[in-house]
Amino acid sequence: MSGHWLAVYTFAQFKTRADDPVNDEFFNNEPSVLAAMERAEGYVARSGYEDDPGPESWGEQVFPKYWVDNGDGWAPSTISLWEDLETALAAVYRGLHGEILRLGPLFMTADDYPPYVLWWVPRDRQPDWDEAVERLEHLGDNGPSPDAFTFKAAFDPSGHTVSVDGKKTRAIAERNRLRANAPRAVQ
């Protein structure tokens, strides 16, 4: 295991104000999706938001230059840390998050900037919102590099190109599915 975590920053924009009823499905599912991600294999941590209960915010939340305020001063975005590419990919594109992601066109804009960015951080350091936004903008401006990349054009912590192991990703996704469907222990 390397001395790095995989950082994942996601960013999207609603077609309408966040409080528009068309976005209800997003908000109704958000707590379950976040809980499923936190139970997923390989999950390390995620930033919370300044005014919300839950994990501590990793600094003041900021948005990339692509953000267009639609009148509510808000946009869906996350920062999380993962053990590796495969655990992050399994959690993001499979399971409950994957199901909701497929519904995104119902309430999210279709833009030409990247919807997410990946980069490696030393295990003794936590990224903040400023860094995450800088990485997304770097990817959008320059394409994939060891400093800002995607699952399709990935790099290892040493800066060498790598491919995500699809077989490993599918096995992790199946374990996540079984974990999500397992009965909860009564406390």
N, C-alpha and C. Protein backbone atom coordinates (compact mmCIF):
# COMPACT_ATOMS: atom_id res chain seq x y z
N MET A 1 0.85 -1.19 0.00
CA MET A 1 0.00 0.00 0.00
C MET A 1 0.89 1.24 0.00
N SER A 2 0.56 2.19 -0.82
CA SER A 2 1.37 3.41 -0.91
C SER A 2 1.08 4.32 0.27
N GLY A 3 1.87 5.35 0.40
CA GLY A 3 1.67 6.33 1.45
C GLY A 3 0.76 7.46 1.00
N HIS A 4 -0.17 7.15 0.10
CA HIS A 4 -1.06 8.17 -0.46
C HIS A 4 -2.52 7.72 -0.40
N TRP A 5 -3.39 8.71 -0.35
CA TRP A 5 -4.83 8.49 -0.54
C TRP A 5 -5.20 9.09 -1.89
N LEU A 6 -6.25 8.56 -2.49
CA LEU A 6 -6.79 9.15 -3.71
C LEU A 6 -7.83 10.19 -3.31
N ALA A 7 -7.63 11.43 -3.71
CA ALA A 7 -8.60 12.48 -3.47
C ALA A 7 -9.54 12.56 -4.67
N VAL A 8 -10.83 12.74 -4.38
CA VAL A 8 -11.86 12.86 -5.42
C VAL A 8 -12.67 14.12 -5.13
N TYR A 9 -12.72 15.01 -6.10
CA TYR A 9 -13.56 16.20 -6.00
C TYR A 9 -14.60 16.11 -7.10
N THR A 10 -15.87 16.30 -6.74
CA THR A 10 -16.95 16.31 -7.72
C THR A 10 -17.61 17.68 -7.71
N PHE A 11 -18.10 18.08 -8.86
CA PHE A 11 -18.77 19.37 -8.99
C PHE A 11 -19.84 19.27 -10.07
N ALA A 12 -21.01 19.81 -9.77
CA ALA A 12 -22.11 19.86 -10.74
C ALA A 12 -22.93 21.11 -10.47
N GLN A 13 -23.85 21.38 -11.37
CA GLN A 13 -24.75 22.52 -11.20
C GLN A 13 -26.17 22.10 -11.51
N PHE A 14 -27.09 22.53 -10.66
CA PHE A 14 -28.50 22.28 -10.93
C PHE A 14 -28.96 23.13 -12.12
N LYS A 15 -29.95 22.62 -12.85
CA LYS A 15 -30.54 23.38 -13.94
C LYS A 15 -31.32 24.58 -13.40
N THR A 16 -31.84 24.44 -12.19
CA THR A 16 -32.65 25.47 -11.56
C THR A 16 -32.11 25.72 -10.15
N ARG A 17 -32.74 26.61 -9.44
CA ARG A 17 -32.35 26.83 -8.04
C ARG A 17 -32.45 25.51 -7.27
N ALA A 18 -31.61 25.37 -6.25
CA ALA A 18 -31.60 24.14 -5.45
C ALA A 18 -32.96 23.85 -4.83
N ASP A 19 -33.71 24.87 -4.47
CA ASP A 19 -34.99 24.65 -3.80
C ASP A 19 -36.15 24.37 -4.76
N ASP A 20 -35.88 24.28 -6.05
CA ASP A 20 -36.92 23.94 -7.03
C ASP A 20 -37.33 22.47 -6.80
N PRO A 21 -38.62 22.17 -6.79
CA PRO A 21 -39.07 20.79 -6.56
C PRO A 21 -38.50 19.76 -7.54
N VAL A 22 -38.05 20.20 -8.71
CA VAL A 22 -37.45 19.26 -9.66
C VAL A 22 -36.21 18.59 -9.07
N ASN A 23 -35.59 19.21 -8.06
CA ASN A 23 -34.38 18.67 -7.43
C ASN A 23 -34.68 17.81 -6.21
N ASP A 24 -35.95 17.61 -5.90
CA ASP A 24 -36.31 16.85 -4.70
C ASP A 24 -35.70 15.45 -4.68
N GLU A 25 -35.68 14.78 -5.82
CA GLU A 25 -35.12 13.42 -5.86
C GLU A 25 -33.65 13.43 -5.45
N PHE A 26 -32.92 14.43 -5.87
CA PHE A 26 -31.51 14.56 -5.46
C PHE A 26 -31.43 14.68 -3.94
N PHE A 27 -32.16 15.62 -3.38
CA PHE A 27 -32.08 15.87 -1.93
C PHE A 27 -32.67 14.73 -1.11
N ASN A 28 -33.72 14.10 -1.60
CA ASN A 28 -34.31 12.97 -0.87
C ASN A 28 -33.34 11.79 -0.79
N ASN A 29 -32.50 11.62 -1.80
CA ASN A 29 -31.57 10.50 -1.82
C ASN A 29 -30.19 10.84 -1.26
N GLU A 30 -29.88 12.11 -1.11
CA GLU A 30 -28.53 12.51 -0.69
C GLU A 30 -28.07 11.84 0.61
N PRO A 31 -28.87 11.82 1.69
CA PRO A 31 -28.40 11.18 2.92
C PRO A 31 -28.06 9.69 2.73
N SER A 32 -28.89 8.97 1.99
CA SER A 32 -28.64 7.55 1.75
C SER A 32 -27.40 7.34 0.89
N VAL A 33 -27.24 8.19 -0.10
CA VAL A 33 -26.07 8.08 -0.98
C VAL A 33 -24.79 8.34 -0.19
N LEU A 34 -24.77 9.39 0.61
CA LEU A 34 -23.58 9.69 1.42
C LEU A 34 -23.30 8.56 2.41
N ALA A 35 -24.33 8.01 3.03
CA ALA A 35 -24.14 6.91 3.96
C ALA A 35 -23.58 5.68 3.25
N ALA A 36 -24.08 5.39 2.05
CA ALA A 36 -23.58 4.25 1.28
C ALA A 36 -22.11 4.45 0.91
N MET A 37 -21.76 5.66 0.53
CA MET A 37 -20.37 5.94 0.19
C MET A 37 -19.47 5.74 1.42
N GLU A 38 -19.93 6.20 2.57
CA GLU A 38 -19.14 6.08 3.79
C GLU A 38 -18.97 4.64 4.25
N ARG A 39 -19.89 3.75 3.85
CA ARG A 39 -19.77 2.32 4.18
C ARG A 39 -19.00 1.54 3.12
N ALA A 40 -18.71 2.16 2.00
CA ALA A 40 -18.07 1.47 0.88
C ALA A 40 -16.63 1.08 1.21
N GLU A 41 -16.23 -0.03 0.65
CA GLU A 41 -14.86 -0.50 0.80
C GLU A 41 -13.91 0.56 0.27
N GLY A 42 -12.86 0.83 1.01
CA GLY A 42 -11.84 1.77 0.56
C GLY A 42 -12.09 3.22 0.91
N TYR A 43 -13.27 3.52 1.44
CA TYR A 43 -13.59 4.89 1.84
C TYR A 43 -12.72 5.27 3.04
N VAL A 44 -12.17 6.48 2.99
CA VAL A 44 -11.33 6.98 4.08
C VAL A 44 -12.05 8.09 4.84
N ALA A 45 -12.45 9.14 4.13
CA ALA A 45 -13.09 10.29 4.78
C ALA A 45 -13.68 11.20 3.70
N ARG A 46 -14.53 12.13 4.16
CA ARG A 46 -15.05 13.15 3.25
C ARG A 46 -15.20 14.45 4.03
N SER A 47 -15.17 15.53 3.27
CA SER A 47 -15.43 16.83 3.87
C SER A 47 -16.91 17.00 4.08
N GLY A 48 -17.25 17.63 5.19
CA GLY A 48 -18.62 18.06 5.39
C GLY A 48 -18.77 19.47 4.85
N TYR A 49 -19.80 20.14 5.28
CA TYR A 49 -20.10 21.49 4.83
C TYR A 49 -20.26 22.38 6.07
N GLU A 50 -19.84 23.61 5.96
CA GLU A 50 -19.77 24.51 7.11
C GLU A 50 -21.05 24.59 7.93
N ASP A 51 -22.19 24.65 7.29
CA ASP A 51 -23.45 24.87 8.01
C ASP A 51 -24.29 23.61 8.19
N ASP A 52 -23.73 22.44 7.88
CA ASP A 52 -24.49 21.20 7.98
C ASP A 52 -23.95 20.31 9.09
N PRO A 53 -24.83 19.53 9.72
CA PRO A 53 -24.33 18.54 10.67
C PRO A 53 -23.56 17.47 9.90
N GLY A 54 -22.67 16.79 10.57
CA GLY A 54 -21.91 15.73 9.92
C GLY A 54 -20.43 16.00 10.03
N PRO A 55 -19.65 15.47 9.09
CA PRO A 55 -18.20 15.65 9.16
C PRO A 55 -17.80 17.12 9.11
N GLU A 56 -16.65 17.41 9.66
CA GLU A 56 -16.11 18.77 9.64
C GLU A 56 -15.78 19.18 8.20
N SER A 57 -15.98 20.44 7.90
CA SER A 57 -15.65 20.96 6.57
C SER A 57 -14.14 21.13 6.45
N TRP A 58 -13.61 20.77 5.31
CA TRP A 58 -12.18 20.91 5.05
C TRP A 58 -11.91 22.29 4.47
N GLY A 59 -12.17 23.31 5.27
CA GLY A 59 -11.98 24.68 4.85
C GLY A 59 -13.27 25.28 4.36
N GLU A 60 -13.16 26.52 3.91
CA GLU A 60 -14.32 27.23 3.38
C GLU A 60 -14.64 26.69 1.99
N GLN A 61 -15.91 26.33 1.77
CA GLN A 61 -16.30 25.79 0.47
C GLN A 61 -16.27 26.89 -0.58
N VAL A 62 -15.60 26.61 -1.68
CA VAL A 62 -15.52 27.51 -2.82
C VAL A 62 -15.90 26.71 -4.06
N PHE A 63 -16.17 27.40 -5.15
CA PHE A 63 -16.58 26.75 -6.39
C PHE A 63 -15.63 27.13 -7.52
N PRO A 64 -15.51 26.26 -8.52
CA PRO A 64 -14.62 26.55 -9.64
C PRO A 64 -15.13 27.68 -10.53
N LYS A 65 -14.27 28.13 -11.40
CA LYS A 65 -14.63 29.22 -12.31
C LYS A 65 -15.79 28.86 -13.22
N TYR A 66 -16.09 27.58 -13.34
CA TYR A 66 -17.20 27.13 -14.18
C TYR A 66 -18.55 27.40 -13.54
N TRP A 67 -18.55 27.66 -12.24
CA TRP A 67 -19.81 27.84 -11.50
C TRP A 67 -20.56 29.05 -12.00
N VAL A 68 -21.86 28.87 -12.19
CA VAL A 68 -22.76 29.96 -12.52
C VAL A 68 -23.82 29.97 -11.42
N ASP A 69 -23.84 31.02 -10.64
CA ASP A 69 -24.81 31.12 -9.55
C ASP A 69 -26.20 31.29 -10.15
N ASN A 70 -27.08 30.35 -9.85
CA ASN A 70 -28.44 30.43 -10.38
C ASN A 70 -29.38 31.09 -9.38
N GLY A 71 -28.81 31.87 -8.46
CA GLY A 71 -29.62 32.64 -7.53
C GLY A 71 -29.67 32.10 -6.12
N ASP A 72 -29.05 30.92 -5.88
CA ASP A 72 -29.10 30.38 -4.53
C ASP A 72 -27.73 30.29 -3.87
N GLY A 73 -26.67 30.64 -4.62
CA GLY A 73 -25.31 30.64 -4.06
C GLY A 73 -24.77 29.28 -3.72
N TRP A 74 -25.24 28.25 -4.43
CA TRP A 74 -24.89 26.88 -4.05
C TRP A 74 -24.74 26.00 -5.28
N ALA A 75 -23.94 24.95 -5.17
CA ALA A 75 -23.82 23.93 -6.21
C ALA A 75 -23.39 22.63 -5.55
N PRO A 76 -23.88 21.48 -6.01
CA PRO A 76 -23.49 20.21 -5.43
C PRO A 76 -22.00 19.93 -5.69
N SER A 77 -21.26 19.68 -4.63
CA SER A 77 -19.85 19.33 -4.76
C SER A 77 -19.41 18.54 -3.54
N THR A 78 -18.41 17.69 -3.72
CA THR A 78 -17.89 16.86 -2.63
C THR A 78 -16.38 16.75 -2.74
N ILE A 79 -15.74 16.48 -1.62
CA ILE A 79 -14.33 16.06 -1.59
C ILE A 79 -14.31 14.81 -0.72
N SER A 80 -13.65 13.77 -1.21
CA SER A 80 -13.51 12.55 -0.42
C SER A 80 -12.14 11.93 -0.65
N LEU A 81 -11.75 11.05 0.25
CA LEU A 81 -10.48 10.33 0.17
C LEU A 81 -10.76 8.83 0.12
N TRP A 82 -9.99 8.14 -0.71
CA TRP A 82 -10.16 6.71 -0.96
C TRP A 82 -8.82 6.00 -0.92
N GLU A 83 -8.85 4.69 -0.70
CA GLU A 83 -7.62 3.91 -0.66
C GLU A 83 -6.94 3.82 -2.02
N ASP A 84 -7.75 3.71 -3.08
CA ASP A 84 -7.17 3.54 -4.41
C ASP A 84 -8.20 3.84 -5.49
N LEU A 85 -7.78 3.72 -6.73
CA LEU A 85 -8.66 4.00 -7.87
C LEU A 85 -9.86 3.06 -7.91
N GLU A 86 -9.62 1.78 -7.68
CA GLU A 86 -10.69 0.80 -7.83
C GLU A 86 -11.79 0.97 -6.78
N THR A 87 -11.42 1.24 -5.54
CA THR A 87 -12.47 1.42 -4.52
C THR A 87 -13.29 2.67 -4.80
N ALA A 88 -12.63 3.73 -5.24
CA ALA A 88 -13.36 4.96 -5.57
C ALA A 88 -14.27 4.74 -6.77
N LEU A 89 -13.77 4.11 -7.80
CA LEU A 89 -14.58 3.87 -9.00
C LEU A 89 -15.79 2.99 -8.68
N ALA A 90 -15.59 1.94 -7.89
CA ALA A 90 -16.69 1.05 -7.53
C ALA A 90 -17.78 1.81 -6.78
N ALA A 91 -17.40 2.70 -5.89
CA ALA A 91 -18.37 3.45 -5.09
C ALA A 91 -19.08 4.53 -5.92
N VAL A 92 -18.34 5.17 -6.81
CA VAL A 92 -18.90 6.28 -7.57
C VAL A 92 -19.87 5.80 -8.66
N TYR A 93 -19.50 4.78 -9.41
CA TYR A 93 -20.29 4.40 -10.58
C TYR A 93 -21.17 3.17 -10.40
N ARG A 94 -21.10 2.55 -9.25
CA ARG A 94 -21.95 1.38 -8.99
C ARG A 94 -22.79 1.66 -7.75
N GLY A 95 -23.73 0.82 -7.47
CA GLY A 95 -24.53 0.97 -6.26
C GLY A 95 -25.44 2.18 -6.30
N LEU A 96 -25.83 2.62 -5.11
CA LEU A 96 -26.80 3.72 -5.00
C LEU A 96 -26.29 5.00 -5.65
N HIS A 97 -25.02 5.33 -5.45
CA HIS A 97 -24.50 6.55 -6.07
C HIS A 97 -24.57 6.46 -7.59
N GLY A 98 -24.24 5.31 -8.13
CA GLY A 98 -24.32 5.12 -9.58
C GLY A 98 -25.74 5.28 -10.10
N GLU A 99 -26.71 4.76 -9.33
CA GLU A 99 -28.12 4.89 -9.72
C GLU A 99 -28.54 6.36 -9.77
N ILE A 100 -28.18 7.11 -8.75
CA ILE A 100 -28.54 8.53 -8.70
C ILE A 100 -27.77 9.31 -9.77
N LEU A 101 -26.52 8.94 -9.99
CA LEU A 101 -25.72 9.60 -11.02
C LEU A 101 -26.40 9.49 -12.38
N ARG A 102 -26.99 8.35 -12.66
CA ARG A 102 -27.67 8.16 -13.95
C ARG A 102 -28.91 9.05 -14.07
N LEU A 103 -29.45 9.49 -12.94
CA LEU A 103 -30.60 10.41 -12.97
C LEU A 103 -30.16 11.86 -13.11
N GLY A 104 -28.88 12.11 -13.03
CA GLY A 104 -28.35 13.48 -13.08
C GLY A 104 -28.91 14.35 -14.18
N PRO A 105 -29.08 13.86 -15.41
CA PRO A 105 -29.61 14.72 -16.47
C PRO A 105 -31.00 15.29 -16.17
N LEU A 106 -31.71 14.70 -15.23
CA LEU A 106 -33.02 15.24 -14.86
C LEU A 106 -32.90 16.58 -14.14
N PHE A 107 -31.81 16.76 -13.39
CA PHE A 107 -31.70 17.99 -12.60
C PHE A 107 -30.36 18.69 -12.70
N MET A 108 -29.36 18.12 -13.36
CA MET A 108 -28.06 18.76 -13.50
C MET A 108 -27.86 19.28 -14.93
N THR A 109 -27.08 20.35 -15.04
CA THR A 109 -26.77 20.88 -16.36
C THR A 109 -25.75 19.97 -17.05
N ALA A 110 -25.75 19.99 -18.36
CA ALA A 110 -24.76 19.26 -19.14
C ALA A 110 -23.73 20.29 -19.58
N ASP A 111 -22.56 20.25 -18.98
CA ASP A 111 -21.55 21.26 -19.25
C ASP A 111 -20.32 20.63 -19.89
N ASP A 112 -19.44 21.47 -20.40
CA ASP A 112 -18.25 20.93 -21.04
C ASP A 112 -17.01 20.98 -20.15
N TYR A 113 -17.17 21.22 -18.87
CA TYR A 113 -16.05 21.13 -17.94
C TYR A 113 -16.09 19.74 -17.28
N PRO A 114 -14.98 19.30 -16.69
CA PRO A 114 -14.99 17.98 -16.06
C PRO A 114 -15.90 17.95 -14.83
N PRO A 115 -16.66 16.86 -14.64
CA PRO A 115 -17.53 16.76 -13.48
C PRO A 115 -16.80 16.31 -12.20
N TYR A 116 -15.55 15.86 -12.38
CA TYR A 116 -14.77 15.42 -11.22
C TYR A 116 -13.29 15.47 -11.56
N VAL A 117 -12.47 15.39 -10.52
CA VAL A 117 -11.02 15.31 -10.70
C VAL A 117 -10.46 14.40 -9.61
N LEU A 118 -9.41 13.70 -9.96
CA LEU A 118 -8.69 12.82 -9.03
C LEU A 118 -7.26 13.31 -8.88
N TRP A 119 -6.68 13.11 -7.70
CA TRP A 119 -5.26 13.36 -7.47
C TRP A 119 -4.85 12.64 -6.21
N TRP A 120 -3.56 12.42 -6.05
CA TRP A 120 -3.03 11.72 -4.89
C TRP A 120 -2.57 12.72 -3.84
N VAL A 121 -2.86 12.41 -2.58
CA VAL A 121 -2.38 13.24 -1.47
C VAL A 121 -1.67 12.33 -0.47
N PRO A 122 -0.59 12.81 0.15
CA PRO A 122 0.06 12.02 1.20
C PRO A 122 -0.95 11.71 2.31
N ARG A 123 -0.80 10.54 2.90
CA ARG A 123 -1.75 10.12 3.93
C ARG A 123 -1.77 11.03 5.15
N ASP A 124 -0.74 11.82 5.34
CA ASP A 124 -0.71 12.70 6.51
C ASP A 124 -1.25 14.10 6.19
N ARG A 125 -1.89 14.26 5.02
CA ARG A 125 -2.39 15.58 4.63
C ARG A 125 -3.81 15.46 4.08
N GLN A 126 -4.61 16.44 4.43
CA GLN A 126 -6.00 16.48 3.98
C GLN A 126 -6.17 17.64 3.00
N PRO A 127 -6.74 17.38 1.83
CA PRO A 127 -6.97 18.49 0.89
C PRO A 127 -8.07 19.41 1.40
N ASP A 128 -8.12 20.61 0.88
CA ASP A 128 -9.22 21.52 1.23
C ASP A 128 -9.96 21.90 -0.05
N TRP A 129 -11.02 22.67 0.12
CA TRP A 129 -11.86 23.06 -1.02
C TRP A 129 -11.08 23.87 -2.05
N ASP A 130 -10.19 24.75 -1.59
CA ASP A 130 -9.39 25.55 -2.54
C ASP A 130 -8.55 24.65 -3.43
N GLU A 131 -7.86 23.70 -2.83
CA GLU A 131 -7.03 22.79 -3.61
C GLU A 131 -7.88 21.98 -4.59
N ALA A 132 -9.02 21.50 -4.13
CA ALA A 132 -9.88 20.69 -4.99
C ALA A 132 -10.31 21.48 -6.23
N VAL A 133 -10.70 22.72 -6.01
CA VAL A 133 -11.12 23.57 -7.13
C VAL A 133 -9.95 23.83 -8.07
N GLU A 134 -8.77 24.09 -7.53
CA GLU A 134 -7.59 24.30 -8.38
C GLU A 134 -7.31 23.08 -9.24
N ARG A 135 -7.47 21.89 -8.66
CA ARG A 135 -7.22 20.65 -9.42
C ARG A 135 -8.25 20.48 -10.53
N LEU A 136 -9.52 20.75 -10.25
CA LEU A 136 -10.55 20.63 -11.28
C LEU A 136 -10.28 21.61 -12.42
N GLU A 137 -9.96 22.84 -12.07
CA GLU A 137 -9.67 23.84 -13.10
C GLU A 137 -8.43 23.46 -13.90
N HIS A 138 -7.42 22.91 -13.23
CA HIS A 138 -6.21 22.46 -13.94
C HIS A 138 -6.57 21.36 -14.95
N LEU A 139 -7.39 20.41 -14.52
CA LEU A 139 -7.82 19.35 -15.44
C LEU A 139 -8.62 19.94 -16.60
N GLY A 140 -9.54 20.85 -16.31
CA GLY A 140 -10.34 21.45 -17.36
C GLY A 140 -9.53 22.27 -18.34
N ASP A 141 -8.49 22.94 -17.84
CA ASP A 141 -7.67 23.81 -18.70
C ASP A 141 -6.59 23.05 -19.47
N ASN A 142 -6.04 21.99 -18.86
CA ASN A 142 -4.85 21.35 -19.41
C ASN A 142 -5.00 19.88 -19.76
N GLY A 143 -6.12 19.27 -19.39
CA GLY A 143 -6.27 17.83 -19.59
C GLY A 143 -5.59 17.06 -18.48
N PRO A 144 -5.70 15.74 -18.54
CA PRO A 144 -5.16 14.89 -17.48
C PRO A 144 -3.63 14.97 -17.36
N SER A 145 -3.19 14.98 -16.11
CA SER A 145 -1.77 14.96 -15.78
C SER A 145 -1.64 14.30 -14.41
N PRO A 146 -0.43 14.02 -13.95
CA PRO A 146 -0.29 13.43 -12.61
C PRO A 146 -0.88 14.31 -11.50
N ASP A 147 -1.06 15.60 -11.77
CA ASP A 147 -1.60 16.51 -10.77
C ASP A 147 -3.12 16.59 -10.76
N ALA A 148 -3.77 16.14 -11.82
CA ALA A 148 -5.22 16.24 -11.94
C ALA A 148 -5.65 15.30 -13.07
N PHE A 149 -6.37 14.24 -12.71
CA PHE A 149 -6.67 13.22 -13.72
C PHE A 149 -8.05 12.64 -13.52
N THR A 150 -8.39 11.66 -14.37
CA THR A 150 -9.70 11.00 -14.34
C THR A 150 -9.50 9.50 -14.23
N PHE A 151 -10.59 8.77 -14.08
CA PHE A 151 -10.49 7.31 -14.06
C PHE A 151 -10.01 6.77 -15.41
N LYS A 152 -10.39 7.44 -16.50
CA LYS A 152 -10.02 6.97 -17.83
C LYS A 152 -8.57 7.31 -18.20
N ALA A 153 -8.04 8.36 -17.62
CA ALA A 153 -6.65 8.78 -17.87
C ALA A 153 -6.01 8.97 -16.50
N ALA A 154 -5.64 7.84 -15.87
CA ALA A 154 -5.20 7.85 -14.48
C ALA A 154 -3.67 7.74 -14.35
N PHE A 155 -3.20 8.16 -13.18
CA PHE A 155 -1.79 8.11 -12.83
C PHE A 155 -1.64 7.51 -11.44
N ASP A 156 -0.49 6.90 -11.19
CA ASP A 156 -0.21 6.42 -9.84
C ASP A 156 0.46 7.54 -9.05
N PRO A 157 0.70 7.35 -7.76
CA PRO A 157 1.30 8.43 -6.96
C PRO A 157 2.68 8.87 -7.45
N SER A 158 3.36 8.02 -8.21
CA SER A 158 4.68 8.39 -8.76
C SER A 158 4.59 9.16 -10.06
N GLY A 159 3.37 9.31 -10.59
CA GLY A 159 3.18 10.07 -11.83
C GLY A 159 3.19 9.21 -13.08
N HIS A 160 3.18 7.91 -12.93
CA HIS A 160 3.15 7.01 -14.08
C HIS A 160 1.70 6.69 -14.46
N THR A 161 1.44 6.59 -15.75
CA THR A 161 0.09 6.25 -16.19
C THR A 161 -0.25 4.84 -15.73
N VAL A 162 -1.52 4.66 -15.35
CA VAL A 162 -2.01 3.36 -14.93
C VAL A 162 -3.42 3.18 -15.48
N SER A 163 -3.85 1.94 -15.50
CA SER A 163 -5.22 1.62 -15.87
C SER A 163 -5.94 1.10 -14.64
N VAL A 164 -7.19 1.46 -14.53
CA VAL A 164 -8.01 0.94 -13.44
C VAL A 164 -8.28 -0.53 -13.73
N ASP A 165 -8.16 -1.36 -12.71
CA ASP A 165 -8.40 -2.80 -12.82
C ASP A 165 -9.91 -3.05 -12.77
N GLY A 166 -10.50 -3.29 -13.93
CA GLY A 166 -11.95 -3.46 -14.03
C GLY A 166 -12.45 -4.66 -13.25
N LYS A 167 -11.71 -5.77 -13.28
CA LYS A 167 -12.13 -6.97 -12.56
C LYS A 167 -12.14 -6.70 -11.06
N LYS A 168 -11.11 -6.04 -10.57
CA LYS A 168 -11.05 -5.70 -9.14
C LYS A 168 -12.19 -4.74 -8.77
N THR A 169 -12.44 -3.77 -9.64
CA THR A 169 -13.51 -2.80 -9.39
C THR A 169 -14.87 -3.50 -9.29
N ARG A 170 -15.14 -4.44 -10.20
CA ARG A 170 -16.42 -5.17 -10.17
C ARG A 170 -16.54 -6.00 -8.89
N ALA A 171 -15.46 -6.64 -8.46
CA ALA A 171 -15.48 -7.44 -7.23
C ALA A 171 -15.75 -6.55 -6.01
N ILE A 172 -15.14 -5.38 -5.98
CA ILE A 172 -15.37 -4.43 -4.88
C ILE A 172 -16.82 -3.96 -4.89
N ALA A 173 -17.33 -3.64 -6.07
CA ALA A 173 -18.72 -3.18 -6.19
C ALA A 173 -19.68 -4.26 -5.68
N GLU A 174 -19.40 -5.52 -5.98
CA GLU A 174 -20.25 -6.61 -5.50
C GLU A 174 -20.18 -6.72 -3.98
N ARG A 175 -19.00 -6.59 -3.40
CA ARG A 175 -18.89 -6.62 -1.93
C ARG A 175 -19.63 -5.44 -1.31
N ASN A 176 -19.54 -4.26 -1.95
CA ASN A 176 -20.28 -3.10 -1.47
C ASN A 176 -21.79 -3.36 -1.52
N ARG A 177 -22.25 -4.00 -2.60
CA ARG A 177 -23.67 -4.31 -2.74
C ARG A 177 -24.11 -5.25 -1.63
N LEU A 178 -23.34 -6.27 -1.38
CA LEU A 178 -23.68 -7.22 -0.31
C LEU A 178 -23.67 -6.54 1.05
N ARG A 179 -22.70 -5.66 1.26
CA ARG A 179 -22.61 -4.92 2.52
C ARG A 179 -23.84 -4.02 2.69
N ALA A 180 -24.25 -3.37 1.61
CA ALA A 180 -25.39 -2.45 1.68
C ALA A 180 -26.69 -3.20 1.97
N ASN A 181 -26.78 -4.45 1.51
CA ASN A 181 -28.01 -5.24 1.69
C ASN A 181 -27.99 -6.09 2.95
N ALA A 182 -26.87 -6.13 3.66
CA ALA A 182 -26.77 -6.95 4.87
C ALA A 182 -27.59 -6.32 6.00
N PRO A 183 -28.20 -7.16 6.82
CA PRO A 183 -28.95 -6.59 7.97
C PRO A 183 -28.01 -5.87 8.91
N ARG A 184 -28.48 -4.79 9.48
CA ARG A 184 -27.70 -3.99 10.42
C ARG A 184 -27.79 -4.62 11.80
N ALA A 185 -26.68 -4.60 12.52
CA ALA A 185 -26.66 -5.08 13.89
C ALA A 185 -27.43 -4.11 14.79
N VAL A 186 -28.19 -4.64 15.71
CA VAL A 186 -28.93 -3.82 16.66
C VAL A 186 -27.98 -3.41 17.77
N GLN A 187 -27.97 -2.13 18.11
CA GLN A 187 -27.07 -1.66 19.16
C GLN A 187 -27.82 -1.36 20.42
